[in-house]
Amino acid sequence: MSIYATNEKARFDYEILETLEAGLVLSGQEVKSVKRGSASIKGAYVKIFSPSTSSGRGTEAWLVGATIPPYQAGNASGDYDTQRSRKLLLKKSELKYLAGKSQERGLTLVPIKLYNKNGLVKLEIGVGRGKKKSDKREKITKREVQRKIERALKSKSVR
């Protein structure tokens, strides 16, 4: 399993409660571009659209804000949009579950990583709750203390 793109800020800004795997509807050149490692999911989010009563369509999940540049810029069509919304492929039960979670107060659907699974491009979606500023500062402080400890141990083992 190779990872094509990650969203490091997702785990920093959100407390991830659980994760799900989804497929993506991509064009051929987008798949090549993703496999080349050009994709970015920083700042992206997942949006659930519920059906309207007149429409016959069911609930759908979309990845919004992800950037996938064309594989070959010279061969891309003139109307190609690098940040277009891309449909996510999920089971009906997963869609209902995510729709319910997205309606809950304080919960957000965040893309975590884009990766390869059996030759297919998959997206890991996290159900997250936003962290408070104090939680983020606490995490940074712990990381800095851990680095100081590692440096001290490393310098003692060298001597």
N, C-alpha and C. Protein backbone atom coordinates (compact mmCIF):
# COMPACT_ATOMS: atom_id res chain seq x y z
N MET A 1 0.85 -1.18 0.00
CA MET A 1 0.00 0.00 0.00
C MET A 1 0.89 1.24 0.00
N SER A 2 0.84 2.01 -1.05
CA SER A 2 1.63 3.24 -1.11
C SER A 2 0.71 4.44 -0.88
N ILE A 3 1.23 5.40 -0.14
CA ILE A 3 0.46 6.60 0.20
C ILE A 3 0.83 7.70 -0.79
N TYR A 4 -0.18 8.28 -1.42
CA TYR A 4 0.03 9.32 -2.43
C TYR A 4 -0.02 10.72 -1.83
N ALA A 5 -0.92 10.96 -0.89
CA ALA A 5 -1.04 12.29 -0.29
C ALA A 5 -1.59 12.13 1.13
N THR A 6 -1.14 12.98 2.02
CA THR A 6 -1.65 12.97 3.39
C THR A 6 -2.05 14.38 3.79
N ASN A 7 -2.90 14.44 4.80
CA ASN A 7 -3.35 15.71 5.35
C ASN A 7 -2.87 15.75 6.80
N GLU A 8 -1.63 16.23 7.01
CA GLU A 8 -1.05 16.24 8.36
C GLU A 8 -1.83 17.14 9.32
N LYS A 9 -2.39 18.21 8.80
CA LYS A 9 -3.14 19.13 9.65
C LYS A 9 -4.42 18.50 10.20
N ALA A 10 -4.90 17.45 9.55
CA ALA A 10 -6.14 16.82 10.00
C ALA A 10 -5.99 16.27 11.42
N ARG A 11 -4.90 15.57 11.69
CA ARG A 11 -4.70 14.99 13.02
C ARG A 11 -4.30 16.06 14.04
N PHE A 12 -3.76 17.18 13.56
CA PHE A 12 -3.39 18.26 14.47
C PHE A 12 -4.62 19.09 14.85
N ASP A 13 -5.46 19.39 13.88
CA ASP A 13 -6.63 20.25 14.11
C ASP A 13 -7.84 19.50 14.64
N TYR A 14 -7.90 18.18 14.40
CA TYR A 14 -9.07 17.39 14.79
C TYR A 14 -8.67 16.17 15.60
N GLU A 15 -9.53 15.80 16.51
CA GLU A 15 -9.39 14.54 17.23
C GLU A 15 -10.19 13.53 16.40
N ILE A 16 -9.48 12.61 15.74
CA ILE A 16 -10.13 11.65 14.84
C ILE A 16 -10.75 10.54 15.68
N LEU A 17 -12.07 10.42 15.60
CA LEU A 17 -12.80 9.42 16.39
C LEU A 17 -12.85 8.07 15.70
N GLU A 18 -13.02 8.08 14.38
CA GLU A 18 -13.02 6.84 13.61
C GLU A 18 -12.74 7.14 12.15
N THR A 19 -12.40 6.08 11.39
CA THR A 19 -12.06 6.26 9.99
C THR A 19 -12.84 5.30 9.10
N LEU A 20 -13.03 5.72 7.87
CA LEU A 20 -13.68 4.91 6.84
C LEU A 20 -12.87 4.99 5.56
N GLU A 21 -13.04 4.01 4.69
CA GLU A 21 -12.36 3.98 3.41
C GLU A 21 -13.38 4.21 2.29
N ALA A 22 -13.02 5.05 1.33
CA ALA A 22 -13.92 5.34 0.22
C ALA A 22 -13.14 5.33 -1.09
N GLY A 23 -13.81 4.96 -2.16
CA GLY A 23 -13.23 5.06 -3.48
C GLY A 23 -13.50 6.44 -4.03
N LEU A 24 -12.82 6.79 -5.12
CA LEU A 24 -12.98 8.09 -5.75
C LEU A 24 -13.34 7.92 -7.22
N VAL A 25 -14.19 8.79 -7.73
CA VAL A 25 -14.48 8.82 -9.16
C VAL A 25 -13.50 9.80 -9.79
N LEU A 26 -12.55 9.26 -10.56
CA LEU A 26 -11.50 10.06 -11.19
C LEU A 26 -11.44 9.76 -12.68
N SER A 27 -10.97 10.73 -13.46
CA SER A 27 -10.72 10.48 -14.87
C SER A 27 -9.35 9.81 -15.00
N GLY A 28 -9.04 9.31 -16.18
CA GLY A 28 -7.78 8.60 -16.39
C GLY A 28 -6.57 9.44 -16.10
N GLN A 29 -6.56 10.69 -16.57
CA GLN A 29 -5.40 11.54 -16.33
C GLN A 29 -5.27 11.89 -14.85
N GLU A 30 -6.38 11.96 -14.13
CA GLU A 30 -6.32 12.25 -12.70
C GLU A 30 -5.70 11.08 -11.94
N VAL A 31 -6.03 9.86 -12.35
CA VAL A 31 -5.45 8.68 -11.71
C VAL A 31 -3.94 8.67 -11.90
N LYS A 32 -3.49 8.96 -13.12
CA LYS A 32 -2.06 9.00 -13.39
C LYS A 32 -1.38 10.09 -12.57
N SER A 33 -2.02 11.22 -12.46
CA SER A 33 -1.47 12.33 -11.70
C SER A 33 -1.36 11.98 -10.22
N VAL A 34 -2.39 11.33 -9.68
CA VAL A 34 -2.38 10.93 -8.28
C VAL A 34 -1.27 9.91 -8.04
N LYS A 35 -1.16 8.93 -8.92
CA LYS A 35 -0.13 7.89 -8.76
C LYS A 35 1.28 8.45 -8.91
N ARG A 36 1.40 9.57 -9.62
CA ARG A 36 2.69 10.24 -9.74
C ARG A 36 3.03 10.99 -8.45
N GLY A 37 2.02 11.24 -7.62
CA GLY A 37 2.25 11.93 -6.35
C GLY A 37 1.97 13.41 -6.40
N SER A 38 1.21 13.86 -7.38
CA SER A 38 0.95 15.30 -7.54
C SER A 38 -0.27 15.80 -6.78
N ALA A 39 -1.05 14.91 -6.22
CA ALA A 39 -2.30 15.31 -5.57
C ALA A 39 -2.05 15.93 -4.20
N SER A 40 -2.98 16.78 -3.78
CA SER A 40 -2.92 17.40 -2.45
C SER A 40 -4.32 17.44 -1.85
N ILE A 41 -4.44 16.98 -0.61
CA ILE A 41 -5.74 17.03 0.07
C ILE A 41 -5.70 17.98 1.27
N LYS A 42 -4.71 18.84 1.30
CA LYS A 42 -4.63 19.84 2.36
C LYS A 42 -5.77 20.84 2.19
N GLY A 43 -6.50 21.08 3.23
CA GLY A 43 -7.60 22.04 3.18
C GLY A 43 -8.88 21.47 2.58
N ALA A 44 -8.86 20.19 2.21
CA ALA A 44 -10.06 19.57 1.62
C ALA A 44 -11.00 19.09 2.73
N TYR A 45 -12.24 18.87 2.35
CA TYR A 45 -13.22 18.33 3.29
C TYR A 45 -14.23 17.48 2.54
N VAL A 46 -15.01 16.70 3.29
CA VAL A 46 -16.03 15.83 2.70
C VAL A 46 -17.39 16.44 2.98
N LYS A 47 -18.21 16.52 1.94
CA LYS A 47 -19.55 17.11 2.04
C LYS A 47 -20.58 16.04 1.68
N ILE A 48 -21.63 15.93 2.48
CA ILE A 48 -22.72 14.98 2.22
C ILE A 48 -23.91 15.76 1.70
N PHE A 49 -24.42 15.35 0.53
CA PHE A 49 -25.60 15.96 -0.04
C PHE A 49 -26.76 14.99 0.12
N SER A 50 -27.79 15.42 0.82
CA SER A 50 -28.98 14.59 0.99
C SER A 50 -29.92 14.81 -0.17
N PRO A 51 -30.77 13.82 -0.46
CA PRO A 51 -31.66 13.95 -1.61
C PRO A 51 -32.76 14.96 -1.36
N SER A 52 -33.17 15.62 -2.43
CA SER A 52 -34.36 16.46 -2.34
C SER A 52 -35.55 15.58 -2.65
N THR A 53 -36.70 15.96 -2.25
CA THR A 53 -37.89 15.12 -2.41
C THR A 53 -38.25 14.90 -3.87
N SER A 54 -37.99 15.86 -4.74
CA SER A 54 -38.37 15.73 -6.14
C SER A 54 -37.36 14.89 -6.92
N SER A 55 -36.11 14.87 -6.47
CA SER A 55 -35.07 14.14 -7.18
C SER A 55 -35.11 12.66 -6.82
N GLY A 56 -34.76 11.82 -7.76
CA GLY A 56 -34.73 10.39 -7.52
C GLY A 56 -33.38 9.91 -7.03
N ARG A 57 -32.42 10.81 -6.89
CA ARG A 57 -31.08 10.42 -6.48
C ARG A 57 -31.02 10.21 -4.97
N GLY A 58 -30.08 9.37 -4.55
CA GLY A 58 -29.89 9.12 -3.13
C GLY A 58 -28.86 10.07 -2.54
N THR A 59 -28.49 9.81 -1.32
CA THR A 59 -27.48 10.60 -0.64
C THR A 59 -26.12 10.38 -1.31
N GLU A 60 -25.34 11.42 -1.47
CA GLU A 60 -24.03 11.33 -2.10
C GLU A 60 -22.99 12.04 -1.25
N ALA A 61 -21.76 11.52 -1.29
CA ALA A 61 -20.63 12.13 -0.60
C ALA A 61 -19.66 12.67 -1.64
N TRP A 62 -19.14 13.86 -1.41
CA TRP A 62 -18.22 14.51 -2.33
C TRP A 62 -16.98 15.00 -1.61
N LEU A 63 -15.84 14.88 -2.26
CA LEU A 63 -14.58 15.43 -1.78
C LEU A 63 -14.45 16.82 -2.38
N VAL A 64 -14.39 17.84 -1.53
CA VAL A 64 -14.36 19.23 -1.98
C VAL A 64 -13.02 19.86 -1.57
N GLY A 65 -12.40 20.54 -2.51
CA GLY A 65 -11.18 21.29 -2.20
C GLY A 65 -9.89 20.55 -2.41
N ALA A 66 -9.91 19.30 -2.87
CA ALA A 66 -8.68 18.57 -3.15
C ALA A 66 -8.13 19.05 -4.48
N THR A 67 -6.80 19.12 -4.59
CA THR A 67 -6.16 19.58 -5.81
C THR A 67 -5.48 18.41 -6.51
N ILE A 68 -5.92 18.14 -7.75
CA ILE A 68 -5.29 17.11 -8.57
C ILE A 68 -4.97 17.77 -9.91
N PRO A 69 -3.69 18.12 -10.15
CA PRO A 69 -3.33 18.77 -11.41
C PRO A 69 -3.39 17.76 -12.57
N PRO A 70 -3.46 18.24 -13.80
CA PRO A 70 -3.49 17.30 -14.93
C PRO A 70 -2.16 16.55 -15.03
N TYR A 71 -2.21 15.34 -15.56
CA TYR A 71 -1.01 14.51 -15.71
C TYR A 71 -0.01 15.19 -16.64
N GLN A 72 -0.49 15.62 -17.79
CA GLN A 72 0.32 16.38 -18.73
C GLN A 72 -0.42 17.68 -19.02
N ALA A 73 0.12 18.76 -18.53
CA ALA A 73 -0.58 20.05 -18.63
C ALA A 73 -0.87 20.44 -20.07
N GLY A 74 0.00 20.08 -21.00
CA GLY A 74 -0.20 20.44 -22.40
C GLY A 74 -1.35 19.68 -23.05
N ASN A 75 -1.64 18.48 -22.55
CA ASN A 75 -2.70 17.66 -23.13
C ASN A 75 -4.04 17.81 -22.42
N ALA A 76 -4.08 18.56 -21.34
CA ALA A 76 -5.33 18.73 -20.59
C ALA A 76 -6.30 19.60 -21.38
N SER A 77 -7.58 19.29 -21.22
CA SER A 77 -8.59 20.10 -21.90
C SER A 77 -8.62 21.50 -21.28
N GLY A 78 -9.08 22.45 -22.04
CA GLY A 78 -9.09 23.85 -21.60
C GLY A 78 -9.98 24.10 -20.41
N ASP A 79 -11.01 23.30 -20.23
CA ASP A 79 -11.93 23.51 -19.11
C ASP A 79 -11.63 22.62 -17.90
N TYR A 80 -10.45 22.03 -17.85
CA TYR A 80 -10.09 21.16 -16.73
C TYR A 80 -9.92 21.98 -15.46
N ASP A 81 -10.59 21.56 -14.40
CA ASP A 81 -10.53 22.25 -13.10
C ASP A 81 -9.79 21.37 -12.11
N THR A 82 -8.66 21.85 -11.60
CA THR A 82 -7.84 21.04 -10.68
C THR A 82 -8.52 20.85 -9.33
N GLN A 83 -9.43 21.74 -8.96
CA GLN A 83 -10.08 21.65 -7.66
C GLN A 83 -11.56 21.31 -7.74
N ARG A 84 -11.96 20.63 -8.79
CA ARG A 84 -13.37 20.26 -8.91
C ARG A 84 -13.75 19.28 -7.81
N SER A 85 -15.02 19.24 -7.47
CA SER A 85 -15.50 18.28 -6.47
C SER A 85 -15.52 16.90 -7.10
N ARG A 86 -15.08 15.90 -6.32
CA ARG A 86 -15.02 14.53 -6.81
C ARG A 86 -15.92 13.65 -5.96
N LYS A 87 -16.70 12.82 -6.63
CA LYS A 87 -17.66 11.96 -5.94
C LYS A 87 -16.93 10.83 -5.23
N LEU A 88 -17.40 10.51 -4.02
CA LEU A 88 -16.85 9.40 -3.25
C LEU A 88 -17.77 8.19 -3.39
N LEU A 89 -17.16 7.02 -3.47
CA LEU A 89 -17.90 5.78 -3.62
C LEU A 89 -17.97 5.07 -2.27
N LEU A 90 -19.17 5.02 -1.72
CA LEU A 90 -19.41 4.40 -0.41
C LEU A 90 -20.65 3.53 -0.49
N LYS A 91 -20.76 2.59 0.45
CA LYS A 91 -21.97 1.78 0.54
C LYS A 91 -23.10 2.63 1.12
N LYS A 92 -24.35 2.23 0.88
CA LYS A 92 -25.50 3.00 1.37
C LYS A 92 -25.46 3.12 2.90
N SER A 93 -25.11 2.03 3.56
CA SER A 93 -25.07 2.06 5.03
C SER A 93 -24.00 3.04 5.52
N GLU A 94 -22.86 3.08 4.84
CA GLU A 94 -21.80 4.02 5.22
C GLU A 94 -22.23 5.46 4.96
N LEU A 95 -22.93 5.68 3.84
CA LEU A 95 -23.43 7.03 3.54
C LEU A 95 -24.42 7.50 4.60
N LYS A 96 -25.34 6.62 5.00
CA LYS A 96 -26.31 7.00 6.04
C LYS A 96 -25.59 7.32 7.34
N TYR A 97 -24.61 6.49 7.67
CA TYR A 97 -23.85 6.69 8.91
C TYR A 97 -23.12 8.04 8.87
N LEU A 98 -22.43 8.31 7.76
CA LEU A 98 -21.69 9.58 7.64
C LEU A 98 -22.63 10.78 7.62
N ALA A 99 -23.79 10.62 6.99
CA ALA A 99 -24.77 11.72 6.97
C ALA A 99 -25.22 12.03 8.39
N GLY A 100 -25.46 11.02 9.18
CA GLY A 100 -25.85 11.22 10.57
C GLY A 100 -24.75 11.88 11.38
N LYS A 101 -23.52 11.42 11.18
CA LYS A 101 -22.38 11.99 11.92
C LYS A 101 -22.12 13.43 11.52
N SER A 102 -22.31 13.75 10.23
CA SER A 102 -22.05 15.13 9.79
C SER A 102 -23.10 16.10 10.34
N GLN A 103 -24.29 15.58 10.67
CA GLN A 103 -25.34 16.43 11.24
C GLN A 103 -25.12 16.69 12.73
N GLU A 104 -24.34 15.81 13.39
CA GLU A 104 -24.08 15.99 14.83
C GLU A 104 -23.26 17.25 15.05
N ARG A 105 -23.57 17.91 16.14
CA ARG A 105 -22.89 19.16 16.46
C ARG A 105 -21.42 18.88 16.82
N GLY A 106 -20.53 19.61 16.17
CA GLY A 106 -19.11 19.53 16.50
C GLY A 106 -18.33 18.47 15.73
N LEU A 107 -19.00 17.66 14.90
CA LEU A 107 -18.29 16.64 14.15
C LEU A 107 -18.11 17.06 12.70
N THR A 108 -16.95 16.71 12.14
CA THR A 108 -16.61 17.08 10.77
C THR A 108 -16.05 15.86 10.07
N LEU A 109 -16.26 15.79 8.75
CA LEU A 109 -15.70 14.71 7.94
C LEU A 109 -14.45 15.25 7.24
N VAL A 110 -13.29 14.64 7.56
CA VAL A 110 -12.01 15.15 7.10
C VAL A 110 -11.28 14.07 6.30
N PRO A 111 -10.76 14.40 5.11
CA PRO A 111 -9.92 13.43 4.40
C PRO A 111 -8.56 13.34 5.08
N ILE A 112 -8.09 12.13 5.32
CA ILE A 112 -6.83 11.94 6.03
C ILE A 112 -5.69 11.58 5.09
N LYS A 113 -5.92 10.58 4.23
CA LYS A 113 -4.87 10.22 3.28
C LYS A 113 -5.45 9.62 2.02
N LEU A 114 -4.68 9.73 0.94
CA LEU A 114 -5.02 9.20 -0.37
C LEU A 114 -3.99 8.11 -0.63
N TYR A 115 -4.43 6.88 -0.90
CA TYR A 115 -3.50 5.77 -1.02
C TYR A 115 -3.95 4.74 -2.05
N ASN A 116 -3.07 3.79 -2.31
CA ASN A 116 -3.31 2.73 -3.27
C ASN A 116 -3.72 1.45 -2.53
N LYS A 117 -4.77 0.81 -3.02
CA LYS A 117 -5.17 -0.48 -2.46
C LYS A 117 -5.59 -1.37 -3.62
N ASN A 118 -4.82 -2.39 -3.89
CA ASN A 118 -5.06 -3.32 -4.99
C ASN A 118 -5.19 -2.60 -6.33
N GLY A 119 -4.36 -1.60 -6.56
CA GLY A 119 -4.36 -0.88 -7.82
C GLY A 119 -5.41 0.21 -7.93
N LEU A 120 -6.21 0.41 -6.90
CA LEU A 120 -7.25 1.43 -6.91
C LEU A 120 -6.87 2.58 -5.98
N VAL A 121 -7.30 3.78 -6.32
CA VAL A 121 -7.05 4.95 -5.48
C VAL A 121 -8.16 5.04 -4.44
N LYS A 122 -7.78 5.03 -3.17
CA LYS A 122 -8.74 5.08 -2.06
C LYS A 122 -8.46 6.32 -1.21
N LEU A 123 -9.50 6.76 -0.52
CA LEU A 123 -9.40 7.91 0.38
C LEU A 123 -9.81 7.47 1.77
N GLU A 124 -8.99 7.78 2.77
CA GLU A 124 -9.35 7.50 4.15
C GLU A 124 -10.02 8.75 4.71
N ILE A 125 -11.26 8.56 5.19
CA ILE A 125 -12.05 9.66 5.74
C ILE A 125 -12.11 9.50 7.25
N GLY A 126 -11.90 10.57 7.97
CA GLY A 126 -11.98 10.54 9.41
C GLY A 126 -13.16 11.36 9.91
N VAL A 127 -13.84 10.84 10.91
CA VAL A 127 -14.88 11.60 11.60
C VAL A 127 -14.18 12.25 12.77
N GLY A 128 -14.09 13.58 12.73
CA GLY A 128 -13.29 14.28 13.73
C GLY A 128 -14.03 15.37 14.46
N ARG A 129 -13.54 15.62 15.66
CA ARG A 129 -14.06 16.71 16.48
C ARG A 129 -12.92 17.72 16.61
N GLY A 130 -13.22 18.97 16.38
CA GLY A 130 -12.20 20.02 16.41
C GLY A 130 -11.53 20.14 17.78
N LYS A 131 -10.21 20.28 17.77
CA LYS A 131 -9.46 20.45 19.02
C LYS A 131 -9.48 21.92 19.41
N LYS A 132 -9.38 22.14 20.69
CA LYS A 132 -9.28 23.50 21.20
C LYS A 132 -7.82 23.96 21.10
N LYS A 133 -7.61 25.25 21.15
CA LYS A 133 -6.27 25.80 21.03
C LYS A 133 -5.34 25.28 22.13
N SER A 134 -5.88 25.11 23.33
CA SER A 134 -5.06 24.63 24.44
C SER A 134 -4.58 23.20 24.19
N ASP A 135 -5.42 22.37 23.57
CA ASP A 135 -5.03 21.00 23.25
C ASP A 135 -3.87 20.99 22.26
N LYS A 136 -3.94 21.88 21.27
CA LYS A 136 -2.88 21.96 20.27
C LYS A 136 -1.57 22.40 20.90
N ARG A 137 -1.64 23.40 21.80
CA ARG A 137 -0.43 23.88 22.47
C ARG A 137 0.17 22.79 23.34
N GLU A 138 -0.68 22.05 24.00
CA GLU A 138 -0.22 20.94 24.85
C GLU A 138 0.53 19.90 24.03
N LYS A 139 0.02 19.59 22.86
CA LYS A 139 0.65 18.61 21.98
C LYS A 139 2.02 19.10 21.52
N ILE A 140 2.12 20.38 21.18
CA ILE A 140 3.39 20.96 20.74
C ILE A 140 4.40 20.91 21.89
N THR A 141 3.98 21.24 23.10
CA THR A 141 4.86 21.22 24.26
C THR A 141 5.38 19.81 24.52
N LYS A 142 4.50 18.82 24.46
CA LYS A 142 4.92 17.42 24.66
C LYS A 142 5.95 17.01 23.62
N ARG A 143 5.73 17.40 22.37
CA ARG A 143 6.65 17.06 21.29
C ARG A 143 8.03 17.68 21.54
N GLU A 144 8.05 18.94 21.98
CA GLU A 144 9.32 19.63 22.24
C GLU A 144 10.06 18.99 23.40
N VAL A 145 9.35 18.62 24.46
CA VAL A 145 9.97 17.96 25.61
C VAL A 145 10.56 16.62 25.19
N GLN A 146 9.84 15.87 24.37
CA GLN A 146 10.32 14.58 23.89
C GLN A 146 11.59 14.74 23.06
N ARG A 147 11.65 15.78 22.23
CA ARG A 147 12.85 16.04 21.43
C ARG A 147 14.04 16.35 22.32
N LYS A 148 13.82 17.16 23.37
CA LYS A 148 14.92 17.50 24.29
C LYS A 148 15.45 16.25 24.99
N ILE A 149 14.55 15.36 25.39
CA ILE A 149 14.96 14.12 26.05
C ILE A 149 15.78 13.26 25.09
N GLU A 150 15.31 13.14 23.85
CA GLU A 150 16.02 12.33 22.86
C GLU A 150 17.40 12.91 22.57
N ARG A 151 17.50 14.23 22.49
CA ARG A 151 18.80 14.87 22.25
C ARG A 151 19.75 14.62 23.42
N ALA A 152 19.23 14.73 24.63
CA ALA A 152 20.07 14.50 25.81
C ALA A 152 20.57 13.06 25.85
N LEU A 153 19.71 12.12 25.57
CA LEU A 153 20.12 10.69 25.56
C LEU A 153 21.11 10.42 24.43
N LYS A 154 20.91 11.06 23.30
CA LYS A 154 21.79 10.85 22.16
C LYS A 154 23.20 11.40 22.45
N SER A 155 23.26 12.59 23.09
CA SER A 155 24.56 13.19 23.40
C SER A 155 25.30 12.38 24.46
N LYS A 156 24.59 11.76 25.41
CA LYS A 156 25.23 10.93 26.44
C LYS A 156 25.74 9.63 25.84
N SER A 157 25.03 9.06 24.88
CA SER A 157 25.47 7.80 24.28
C SER A 157 26.66 8.01 23.36
N VAL A 158 26.86 9.21 22.82
CA VAL A 158 27.99 9.51 21.94
C VAL A 158 29.27 9.63 22.74
N ARG A 159 29.16 10.16 23.96
CA ARG A 159 30.35 10.40 24.81
C ARG A 159 30.89 9.15 25.37
